[in-house]
Amino acid sequence: MKRLAIFLLTLSLLMGAGLAQAQTMVNVNEADAAALAAALTGVGQARAEAIISYREANGPFQSVHELLQVPGIGPATVELNLDRIQLGNEE
């Protein structure tokens, strides 16, 4: 019984952490590399820096799917993060 209680507590903590992360929003047109890497699944420091380099060279992202033009960012990464990405022009 004690093992079941520990298992359920652990499971609820893990699920709660996943929900908290899913609600973390990041503006890809303003965030620094550390914020991008922390908020986006499948994006580490190198890919975050690539997002910033692309943004600096081409101007702000007009569409979430424009991230596909960034080296190392593919459709799966964009799909995983659709609920986290902001462009800064949503009002």
Protein backbone atom coordinates (compact mmCIF):
# COMPACT_ATOMS: atom_id res chain seq x y z
CA MET A 1 0.00 0.00 0.00
CA LYS A 2 2.87 2.35 0.86
CA ARG A 3 4.49 1.67 -2.53
CA LEU A 4 1.25 2.51 -4.29
CA ALA A 5 0.98 5.80 -2.43
CA ILE A 6 4.58 6.70 -3.32
CA PHE A 7 3.99 5.75 -6.94
CA LEU A 8 0.84 7.89 -7.16
CA LEU A 9 2.55 10.86 -5.51
CA THR A 10 5.49 10.58 -7.91
CA LEU A 11 3.18 10.28 -10.88
CA SER A 12 1.16 13.33 -9.87
CA LEU A 13 4.34 15.39 -9.39
CA LEU A 14 5.64 14.38 -12.80
CA MET A 15 2.33 15.19 -14.46
CA GLY A 16 2.17 18.53 -12.70
CA ALA A 17 5.68 19.40 -13.86
CA GLY A 18 4.73 18.49 -17.44
CA LEU A 19 1.68 20.72 -17.33
CA ALA A 20 3.68 23.62 -15.92
CA GLN A 21 6.23 23.27 -18.71
CA ALA A 22 3.52 23.04 -21.36
CA GLN A 23 2.19 26.41 -20.27
CA THR A 24 5.57 28.16 -20.53
CA MET A 25 5.27 30.61 -23.39
CA VAL A 26 8.23 32.14 -25.19
CA ASN A 27 8.35 34.99 -27.69
CA VAL A 28 10.74 33.81 -30.41
CA ASN A 29 11.13 37.39 -31.64
CA GLU A 30 12.42 38.72 -28.32
CA ALA A 31 13.74 35.87 -26.14
CA ASP A 32 17.42 35.24 -25.58
CA ALA A 33 19.01 31.85 -26.21
CA ALA A 34 18.69 30.70 -22.60
CA ALA A 35 14.95 31.43 -22.53
CA LEU A 36 14.40 29.68 -25.86
CA ALA A 37 16.34 26.60 -24.77
CA ALA A 38 14.49 26.44 -21.45
CA ALA A 39 10.99 26.82 -22.90
CA LEU A 40 11.13 24.82 -26.12
CA THR A 41 11.22 21.03 -26.23
CA GLY A 42 13.98 19.71 -28.47
CA VAL A 43 15.78 23.06 -28.56
CA GLY A 44 19.10 23.27 -26.77
CA GLN A 45 21.58 26.11 -26.64
CA ALA A 46 22.91 25.58 -30.19
CA ARG A 47 19.45 25.54 -31.81
CA ALA A 48 18.38 28.51 -29.69
CA GLU A 49 21.38 30.45 -30.95
CA ALA A 50 20.48 29.43 -34.51
CA ILE A 51 16.98 30.86 -33.98
CA ILE A 52 18.50 34.15 -32.83
CA SER A 53 20.96 34.22 -35.75
CA TYR A 54 18.12 33.65 -38.22
CA ARG A 55 16.04 36.35 -36.53
CA GLU A 56 18.92 38.84 -36.66
CA ALA A 57 19.62 38.11 -40.34
CA ASN A 58 16.00 38.00 -41.56
CA GLY A 59 13.99 40.11 -39.14
CA PRO A 60 11.23 38.97 -36.83
CA PHE A 61 9.37 35.74 -37.46
CA GLN A 62 6.04 36.40 -39.15
CA SER A 63 4.78 32.84 -38.71
CA VAL A 64 5.56 30.01 -36.33
CA HIS A 65 6.22 27.81 -39.35
CA GLU A 66 8.96 30.19 -40.50
CA LEU A 67 11.05 28.49 -37.79
CA LEU A 68 11.40 25.63 -40.29
CA GLN A 69 13.91 27.84 -42.12
CA VAL A 70 16.25 27.71 -39.11
CA PRO A 71 18.96 25.05 -39.47
CA GLY A 72 18.25 22.18 -37.08
CA ILE A 73 14.57 23.02 -36.59
CA GLY A 74 12.25 20.54 -38.28
CA PRO A 75 8.51 19.96 -38.44
CA ALA A 76 8.50 17.72 -35.36
CA THR A 77 10.15 20.41 -33.23
CA VAL A 78 7.69 23.04 -34.40
CA GLU A 79 4.72 20.73 -33.75
CA LEU A 80 5.96 19.86 -30.26
CA ASN A 81 6.14 23.54 -29.37
CA LEU A 82 3.14 25.12 -31.09
CA ASP A 83 1.43 25.80 -27.77
CA ARG A 84 4.54 27.54 -26.37
CA ILE A 85 5.61 29.82 -29.21
CA GLN A 86 4.58 33.44 -29.37
CA LEU A 87 5.53 35.91 -32.07
CA GLY A 88 4.78 39.05 -30.10
CA ASN A 89 2.02 40.30 -32.40
CA GLU A 90 -0.84 38.37 -30.78
CA GLU A 91 -3.28 40.80 -29.26
